[in-house]
Every structure is written in C-alpha cells, then in structure tokens.
Amino acid sequence: MAGSFYLIRCPDCENEQVVFGKASSEVACAVCGHVLARPTGGEADFQGEVEEVVERRSENPEETIEA
C-alpha cells in the first residue's frame, strides 16, 4: 500500500497542511476545521489546492522514483 503525501492549502484560511493521498477518513484543517480531504476508496478527494508532493512513495521499495 504505497501512497504519497501532499501539501494542501486550505481554501478558507490559507493554512498549509500535509495530507496522506490515500486518507481513509476525512482530514480537517488544523486551524479552521474545513475538510481538506475526503476518502474515496483510493486516492482521497482534496478540497484545497495541492501545493506540492511532499513525499512520493512506491509499491516496490527498491524502485527509484524521480520527482
């Protein structure tokens, strides 16, 4: 179960927060409580702006991923 971590900017308060791309529960902004990610059974549905991929992870630990 590989997944990536994303830096999401909250549309309400502009707070930036790191969120796992395959979140299995809703992720709320730590500052204002706005929902930033909703689970979909795969990749999460992000409600804020994705600023960058913080860490990209692979299914195969020996595989090299270039950003």
Foldseek 3Di string as FASTA:
>chain_A
DFWFWFFFQDPPPRDTDIDTQQDPAFDADPPPGHTQWHHDPGGTDGPGDTPGTPGGDDPDNVDDDDD
